[in-house]
PDB file of all heavy atoms in Angstrom:
ATOM      1  N   ALA A   1       0.808  -1.218   0.000  1.00  0.00           N
ATOM      2  CA  ALA A   1       0.000   0.000   0.000  1.00  0.00           C
ATOM      3  C   ALA A   1       0.839   1.264   0.000  1.00  0.00           C
ATOM      4  O   ALA A   1       0.429   2.297  -0.551  1.00  0.00           O
ATOM      5  CB  ALA A   1      -0.939   0.001   1.210  1.00  0.00           C
ATOM      6  N   GLY A   2       2.017   1.210   0.607  1.00  0.00           N
ATOM      7  CA  GLY A   2       2.886   2.383   0.661  1.00  0.00           C
ATOM      8  C   GLY A   2       3.377   2.844  -0.695  1.00  0.00           C
ATOM      9  O   GLY A   2       3.876   3.976  -0.827  1.00  0.00           O
ATOM     10  N   GLU A   3       3.242   1.998  -1.710  1.00  0.00           N
ATOM     11  CA  GLU A   3       3.657   2.370  -3.059  1.00  0.00           C
ATOM     12  C   GLU A   3       2.584   3.173  -3.796  1.00  0.00           C
ATOM     13  O   GLU A   3       2.813   3.649  -4.910  1.00  0.00           O
ATOM     14  CB  GLU A   3       4.007   1.111  -3.864  1.00  0.00           C
ATOM     15  CG  GLU A   3       5.153   0.301  -3.261  1.00  0.00           C
ATOM     16  CD  GLU A   3       5.351  -1.027  -3.968  1.00  0.00           C
ATOM     17  OE1 GLU A   3       5.495  -1.003  -5.221  1.00  0.00           O
ATOM     18  OE2 GLU A   3       5.360  -2.082  -3.296  1.00  0.00           O
ATOM     19  N   CYS A   4       1.400   3.295  -3.187  1.00  0.00           N
ATOM     20  CA  CYS A   4       0.295   4.023  -3.820  1.00  0.00           C
ATOM     21  C   CYS A   4       0.684   5.480  -4.077  1.00  0.00           C
ATOM     22  O   CYS A   4       1.212   6.163  -3.181  1.00  0.00           O
ATOM     23  CB  CYS A   4      -0.942   3.956  -2.925  1.00  0.00           C
ATOM     24  SG  CYS A   4      -2.340   4.937  -3.514  1.00  0.00           S
ATOM     25  N   ILE A   5       0.402   5.951  -5.288  1.00  0.00           N
ATOM     26  CA  ILE A   5       0.728   7.343  -5.648  1.00  0.00           C
ATOM     27  C   ILE A   5      -0.524   8.212  -5.670  1.00  0.00           C
ATOM     28  O   ILE A   5      -0.487   9.359  -6.113  1.00  0.00           O
ATOM     29  CB  ILE A   5       1.451   7.410  -7.007  1.00  0.00           C
ATOM     30  CG1 ILE A   5       0.594   6.754  -8.114  1.00  0.00           C
ATOM     31  CG2 ILE A   5       2.826   6.738  -6.917  1.00  0.00           C
ATOM     32  CD1 ILE A   5       1.184   6.898  -9.520  1.00  0.00           C
ATOM     33  N   ALA A   6      -1.637   7.664  -5.198  1.00  0.00           N
ATOM     34  CA  ALA A   6      -2.908   8.406  -5.090  1.00  0.00           C
ATOM     35  C   ALA A   6      -3.336   9.015  -6.420  1.00  0.00           C
ATOM     36  O   ALA A   6      -3.855  10.136  -6.468  1.00  0.00           O
ATOM     37  CB  ALA A   6      -2.793   9.483  -4.013  1.00  0.00           C
ATOM     38  N   CYS A   7      -3.148   8.244  -7.503  1.00  0.00           N
ATOM     39  CA  CYS A   7      -3.513   8.771  -8.818  1.00  0.00           C
ATOM     40  C   CYS A   7      -5.023   8.764  -9.035  1.00  0.00           C
ATOM     41  O   CYS A   7      -5.542   9.493  -9.884  1.00  0.00           O
ATOM     42  CB  CYS A   7      -2.823   7.961  -9.918  1.00  0.00           C
ATOM     43  SG  CYS A   7      -3.374   6.241 -10.038  1.00  0.00           S
ATOM     44  N   GLY A   8      -5.728   7.908  -8.281  1.00  0.00           N
ATOM     45  CA  GLY A   8      -7.181   7.867  -8.366  1.00  0.00           C
ATOM     46  C   GLY A   8      -7.735   7.014  -9.486  1.00  0.00           C
ATOM     47  O   GLY A   8      -8.963   6.943  -9.659  1.00  0.00           O
ATOM     48  N   ALA A   9      -6.875   6.346 -10.261  1.00  0.00           N
ATOM     49  CA  ALA A   9      -7.364   5.507 -11.362  1.00  0.00           C
ATOM     50  C   ALA A   9      -8.279   4.411 -10.840  1.00  0.00           C
ATOM     51  O   ALA A   9      -9.309   4.097 -11.443  1.00  0.00           O
ATOM     52  CB  ALA A   9      -6.187   4.904 -12.124  1.00  0.00           C
ATOM     53  N   CYS A  10      -7.914   3.837  -9.702  1.00  0.00           N
ATOM     54  CA  CYS A  10      -8.720   2.755  -9.122  1.00  0.00           C
ATOM     55  C   CYS A  10     -10.098   3.258  -8.704  1.00  0.00           C
ATOM     56  O   CYS A  10     -11.115   2.609  -8.972  1.00  0.00           O
ATOM     57  CB  CYS A  10      -7.991   2.148  -7.923  1.00  0.00           C
ATOM     58  SG  CYS A  10      -7.453   3.377  -6.707  1.00  0.00           S
ATOM     59  N   GLU A  11     -10.137   4.429  -8.082  1.00  0.00           N
ATOM     60  CA  GLU A  11     -11.412   4.960  -7.608  1.00  0.00           C
ATOM     61  C   GLU A  11     -12.340   5.306  -8.776  1.00  0.00           C
ATOM     62  O   GLU A  11     -13.561   5.176  -8.655  1.00  0.00           O
ATOM     63  CB  GLU A  11     -11.179   6.184  -6.725  1.00  0.00           C
ATOM     64  CG  GLU A  11     -10.521   5.844  -5.392  1.00  0.00           C
ATOM     65  CD  GLU A  11     -10.528   7.007  -4.419  1.00  0.00           C
ATOM     66  OE1 GLU A  11     -10.976   8.111  -4.812  1.00  0.00           O
ATOM     67  OE2 GLU A  11     -10.085   6.811  -3.266  1.00  0.00           O
ATOM     68  N   SER A  12     -11.765   5.704  -9.890  1.00  0.00           N
ATOM     69  CA  SER A  12     -12.598   6.049 -11.052  1.00  0.00           C
ATOM     70  C   SER A  12     -13.255   4.818 -11.648  1.00  0.00           C
ATOM     71  O   SER A  12     -14.288   4.915 -12.315  1.00  0.00           O
ATOM     72  CB  SER A  12     -11.753   6.755 -12.122  1.00  0.00           C
ATOM     73  OG  SER A  12     -10.821   5.851 -12.712  1.00  0.00           O
ATOM     74  N   ARG A  13     -12.695   3.630 -11.373  1.00  0.00           N
ATOM     75  CA  ARG A  13     -13.244   2.392 -11.935  1.00  0.00           C
ATOM     76  C   ARG A  13     -14.125   1.639 -10.941  1.00  0.00           C
ATOM     77  O   ARG A  13     -14.817   0.696 -11.321  1.00  0.00           O
ATOM     78  CB  ARG A  13     -12.104   1.480 -12.389  1.00  0.00           C
ATOM     79  CG  ARG A  13     -11.352   1.971 -13.623  1.00  0.00           C
ATOM     80  CD  ARG A  13     -10.424   0.895 -14.152  1.00  0.00           C
ATOM     81  NE  ARG A  13      -9.321   0.646 -13.256  1.00  0.00           N
ATOM     82  CZ  ARG A  13      -8.110   1.194 -13.365  1.00  0.00           C
ATOM     83  NH1 ARG A  13      -7.869   2.045 -14.348  1.00  0.00           N
ATOM     84  NH2 ARG A  13      -7.151   0.914 -12.510  1.00  0.00           N
ATOM     85  N   CYS A  14     -14.095   2.010  -9.678  1.00  0.00           N
ATOM     86  CA  CYS A  14     -14.830   1.256  -8.662  1.00  0.00           C
ATOM     87  C   CYS A  14     -16.335   1.470  -8.808  1.00  0.00           C
ATOM     88  O   CYS A  14     -16.813   2.601  -8.736  1.00  0.00           O
ATOM     89  CB  CYS A  14     -14.390   1.675  -7.262  1.00  0.00           C
ATOM     90  SG  CYS A  14     -15.288   0.815  -5.944  1.00  0.00           S
ATOM     91  N   PRO A  15     -17.108   0.395  -8.988  1.00  0.00           N
ATOM     92  CA  PRO A  15     -18.556   0.554  -9.149  1.00  0.00           C
ATOM     93  C   PRO A  15     -19.270   0.951  -7.861  1.00  0.00           C
ATOM     94  O   PRO A  15     -20.441   1.317  -7.901  1.00  0.00           O
ATOM     95  CB  PRO A  15     -19.027  -0.849  -9.589  1.00  0.00           C
ATOM     96  CG  PRO A  15     -17.802  -1.616  -9.941  1.00  0.00           C
ATOM     97  CD  PRO A  15     -16.697  -1.018  -9.120  1.00  0.00           C
ATOM     98  N   PHE A  16     -18.558   0.864  -6.727  1.00  0.00           N
ATOM     99  CA  PHE A  16     -19.211   1.042  -5.427  1.00  0.00           C
ATOM    100  C   PHE A  16     -18.724   2.263  -4.659  1.00  0.00           C
ATOM    101  O   PHE A  16     -19.050   2.439  -3.491  1.00  0.00           O
ATOM    102  CB  PHE A  16     -19.035  -0.225  -4.583  1.00  0.00           C
ATOM    103  CG  PHE A  16     -19.477  -1.468  -5.299  1.00  0.00           C
ATOM    104  CD1 PHE A  16     -18.560  -2.389  -5.754  1.00  0.00           C
ATOM    105  CD2 PHE A  16     -20.821  -1.685  -5.578  1.00  0.00           C
ATOM    106  CE1 PHE A  16     -18.963  -3.523  -6.442  1.00  0.00           C
ATOM    107  CE2 PHE A  16     -21.242  -2.808  -6.260  1.00  0.00           C
ATOM    108  CZ  PHE A  16     -20.307  -3.736  -6.704  1.00  0.00           C
ATOM    109  N   GLY A  17     -17.945   3.101  -5.319  1.00  0.00           N
ATOM    110  CA  GLY A  17     -17.517   4.354  -4.693  1.00  0.00           C
ATOM    111  C   GLY A  17     -16.661   4.176  -3.455  1.00  0.00           C
ATOM    112  O   GLY A  17     -16.747   4.973  -2.515  1.00  0.00           O
ATOM    113  N   VAL A  18     -15.819   3.160  -3.430  1.00  0.00           N
ATOM    114  CA  VAL A  18     -14.964   2.910  -2.272  1.00  0.00           C
ATOM    115  C   VAL A  18     -13.833   3.938  -2.211  1.00  0.00           C
ATOM    116  O   VAL A  18     -13.256   4.301  -3.242  1.00  0.00           O
ATOM    117  CB  VAL A  18     -14.366   1.486  -2.345  1.00  0.00           C
ATOM    118  CG1 VAL A  18     -13.382   1.244  -1.201  1.00  0.00           C
ATOM    119  CG2 VAL A  18     -15.480   0.452  -2.302  1.00  0.00           C
ATOM    120  N   SER A  19     -13.514   4.392  -1.004  1.00  0.00           N
ATOM    121  CA  SER A  19     -12.408   5.349  -0.810  1.00  0.00           C
ATOM    122  C   SER A  19     -11.097   4.565  -0.782  1.00  0.00           C
ATOM    123  O   SER A  19     -10.487   4.336   0.275  1.00  0.00           O
ATOM    124  CB  SER A  19     -12.610   6.131   0.488  1.00  0.00           C
ATOM    125  OG  SER A  19     -13.799   6.868   0.461  1.00  0.00           O
ATOM    126  N   ILE A  20     -10.638   4.166  -1.952  1.00  0.00           N
ATOM    127  CA  ILE A  20      -9.481   3.270  -2.049  1.00  0.00           C
ATOM    128  C   ILE A  20      -8.202   3.964  -1.603  1.00  0.00           C
ATOM    129  O   ILE A  20      -7.366   3.362  -0.900  1.00  0.00           O
ATOM    130  CB  ILE A  20      -9.339   2.734  -3.487  1.00  0.00           C
ATOM    131  CG1 ILE A  20     -10.583   1.946  -3.865  1.00  0.00           C
ATOM    132  CG2 ILE A  20      -8.087   1.871  -3.621  1.00  0.00           C
ATOM    133  CD1 ILE A  20     -10.624   1.514  -5.320  1.00  0.00           C
ATOM    134  N   ILE A  21      -8.033   5.222  -1.967  1.00  0.00           N
ATOM    135  CA  ILE A  21      -6.809   5.937  -1.579  1.00  0.00           C
ATOM    136  C   ILE A  21      -6.701   6.007  -0.056  1.00  0.00           C
ATOM    137  O   ILE A  21      -5.627   5.782   0.521  1.00  0.00           O
ATOM    138  CB  ILE A  21      -6.790   7.350  -2.194  1.00  0.00           C
ATOM    139  CG1 ILE A  21      -6.702   7.252  -3.728  1.00  0.00           C
ATOM    140  CG2 ILE A  21      -5.624   8.169  -1.646  1.00  0.00           C
ATOM    141  CD1 ILE A  21      -6.849   8.589  -4.442  1.00  0.00           C
ATOM    142  N   GLU A  22      -7.808   6.274   0.606  1.00  0.00           N
ATOM    143  CA  GLU A  22      -7.811   6.303   2.066  1.00  0.00           C
ATOM    144  C   GLU A  22      -7.493   4.924   2.630  1.00  0.00           C
ATOM    145  O   GLU A  22      -6.764   4.796   3.631  1.00  0.00           O
ATOM    146  CB  GLU A  22      -9.166   6.787   2.570  1.00  0.00           C
ATOM    147  CG  GLU A  22      -9.300   6.825   4.091  1.00  0.00           C
ATOM    148  CD  GLU A  22      -8.278   7.719   4.775  1.00  0.00           C
ATOM    149  OE1 GLU A  22      -7.836   8.715   4.152  1.00  0.00           O
ATOM    150  OE2 GLU A  22      -7.912   7.415   5.932  1.00  0.00           O
ATOM    151  N   ASN A  23      -8.026   3.877   2.019  1.00  0.00           N
ATOM    152  CA  ASN A  23      -7.719   2.521   2.474  1.00  0.00           C
ATOM    153  C   ASN A  23      -6.235   2.208   2.342  1.00  0.00           C
ATOM    154  O   ASN A  23      -5.639   1.559   3.209  1.00  0.00           O
ATOM    155  CB  ASN A  23      -8.530   1.492   1.670  1.00  0.00           C
ATOM    156  CG  ASN A  23      -9.975   1.402   2.123  1.00  0.00           C
ATOM    157  OD1 ASN A  23     -10.323   1.862   3.195  1.00  0.00           O
ATOM    158  ND2 ASN A  23     -10.817   0.812   1.292  1.00  0.00           N
ATOM    159  N   MET A  24      -5.614   2.671   1.260  1.00  0.00           N
ATOM    160  CA  MET A  24      -4.182   2.433   1.071  1.00  0.00           C
ATOM    161  C   MET A  24      -3.373   3.174   2.137  1.00  0.00           C
ATOM    162  O   MET A  24      -2.383   2.650   2.661  1.00  0.00           O
ATOM    163  CB  MET A  24      -3.741   2.862  -0.333  1.00  0.00           C
ATOM    164  CG  MET A  24      -4.341   2.023  -1.461  1.00  0.00           C
ATOM    165  SD  MET A  24      -4.049   0.239  -1.374  1.00  0.00           S
ATOM    166  CE  MET A  24      -5.654  -0.339  -0.776  1.00  0.00           C
ATOM    167  N   LYS A  25      -3.812   4.383   2.490  1.00  0.00           N
ATOM    168  CA  LYS A  25      -3.124   5.130   3.550  1.00  0.00           C
ATOM    169  C   LYS A  25      -3.223   4.381   4.872  1.00  0.00           C
ATOM    170  O   LYS A  25      -2.240   4.261   5.619  1.00  0.00           O
ATOM    171  CB  LYS A  25      -3.739   6.518   3.691  1.00  0.00           C
ATOM    172  CG  LYS A  25      -3.456   7.468   2.553  1.00  0.00           C
ATOM    173  CD  LYS A  25      -4.143   8.818   2.765  1.00  0.00           C
ATOM    174  CE  LYS A  25      -3.892   9.775   1.624  1.00  0.00           C
ATOM    175  NZ  LYS A  25      -4.604  11.069   1.818  1.00  0.00           N
ATOM    176  N   GLN A  26      -4.423   3.865   5.173  1.00  0.00           N
ATOM    177  CA  GLN A  26      -4.614   3.129   6.433  1.00  0.00           C
ATOM    178  C   GLN A  26      -3.805   1.839   6.429  1.00  0.00           C
ATOM    179  O   GLN A  26      -3.213   1.476   7.455  1.00  0.00           O
ATOM    180  CB  GLN A  26      -6.093   2.817   6.620  1.00  0.00           C
ATOM    181  CG  GLN A  26      -6.954   4.033   6.911  1.00  0.00           C
ATOM    182  CD  GLN A  26      -8.408   3.658   7.130  1.00  0.00           C
ATOM    183  OE1 GLN A  26      -8.756   2.519   7.417  1.00  0.00           O
ATOM    184  NE2 GLN A  26      -9.300   4.642   6.984  1.00  0.00           N
ATOM    185  N   ALA A  27      -3.747   1.166   5.290  1.00  0.00           N
ATOM    186  CA  ALA A  27      -2.984  -0.080   5.228  1.00  0.00           C
ATOM    187  C   ALA A  27      -1.487   0.179   5.432  1.00  0.00           C
ATOM    188  O   ALA A  27      -0.808  -0.603   6.109  1.00  0.00           O
ATOM    189  CB  ALA A  27      -3.221  -0.752   3.871  1.00  0.00           C
ATOM    190  N   LYS A  28      -1.005   1.273   4.897  1.00  0.00           N
ATOM    191  CA  LYS A  28       0.405   1.619   5.109  1.00  0.00           C
ATOM    192  C   LYS A  28       0.679   1.864   6.582  1.00  0.00           C
ATOM    193  O   LYS A  28       1.697   1.410   7.135  1.00  0.00           O
ATOM    194  CB  LYS A  28       0.774   2.865   4.300  1.00  0.00           C
ATOM    195  CG  LYS A  28       2.228   3.294   4.476  1.00  0.00           C
ATOM    196  CD  LYS A  28       2.545   4.571   3.692  1.00  0.00           C
ATOM    197  CE  LYS A  28       3.997   4.996   3.924  1.00  0.00           C
ATOM    198  NZ  LYS A  28       4.292   6.274   3.221  1.00  0.00           N
ATOM    199  N   GLU A  29      -0.247   2.546   7.265  1.00  0.00           N
ATOM    200  CA  GLU A  29      -0.077   2.805   8.700  1.00  0.00           C
ATOM    201  C   GLU A  29      -0.129   1.502   9.499  1.00  0.00           C
ATOM    202  O   GLU A  29       0.657   1.299  10.437  1.00  0.00           O
ATOM    203  CB  GLU A  29      -1.170   3.761   9.190  1.00  0.00           C
ATOM    204  CG  GLU A  29      -1.059   5.163   8.623  1.00  0.00           C
ATOM    205  CD  GLU A  29      -2.221   6.045   9.042  1.00  0.00           C
ATOM    206  OE1 GLU A  29      -3.069   5.564   9.832  1.00  0.00           O
ATOM    207  OE2 GLU A  29      -2.302   7.197   8.574  1.00  0.00           O
ATOM    208  N   VAL A  30      -1.037   0.605   9.123  1.00  0.00           N
ATOM    209  CA  VAL A  30      -1.235  -0.639   9.872  1.00  0.00           C
ATOM    210  C   VAL A  30      -0.077  -1.597   9.673  1.00  0.00           C
ATOM    211  O   VAL A  30       0.453  -2.182  10.627  1.00  0.00           O
ATOM    212  CB  VAL A  30      -2.552  -1.312   9.449  1.00  0.00           C
ATOM    213  CG1 VAL A  30      -2.632  -2.747   9.983  1.00  0.00           C
ATOM    214  CG2 VAL A  30      -3.750  -0.499   9.955  1.00  0.00           C
ATOM    215  N   PHE A  31       0.355  -1.744   8.412  1.00  0.00           N
ATOM    216  CA  PHE A  31       1.369  -2.761   8.100  1.00  0.00           C
ATOM    217  C   PHE A  31       2.792  -2.210   8.008  1.00  0.00           C
ATOM    218  O   PHE A  31       3.749  -2.973   7.901  1.00  0.00           O
ATOM    219  CB  PHE A  31       1.011  -3.467   6.782  1.00  0.00           C
ATOM    220  CG  PHE A  31      -0.279  -4.252   6.855  1.00  0.00           C
ATOM    221  CD1 PHE A  31      -1.418  -3.807   6.208  1.00  0.00           C
ATOM    222  CD2 PHE A  31      -0.341  -5.428   7.589  1.00  0.00           C
ATOM    223  CE1 PHE A  31      -2.604  -4.534   6.270  1.00  0.00           C
ATOM    224  CE2 PHE A  31      -1.512  -6.157   7.662  1.00  0.00           C
ATOM    225  CZ  PHE A  31      -2.650  -5.709   7.002  1.00  0.00           C
ATOM    226  N   GLY A  32       2.910  -0.876   7.993  1.00  0.00           N
ATOM    227  CA  GLY A  32       4.244  -0.292   8.035  1.00  0.00           C
ATOM    228  C   GLY A  32       4.891  -0.106   6.677  1.00  0.00           C
ATOM    229  O   GLY A  32       6.026   0.366   6.587  1.00  0.00           O
TER     230      GLY A  32
END
């Protein structure tokens, strides 16, 4: 998750409006 560049490409494709960038930030904090 720490490699995420927050480009938003994933969020633009998500059919369910998930806050993927925020999830990647949380995963980086949780897993280091």
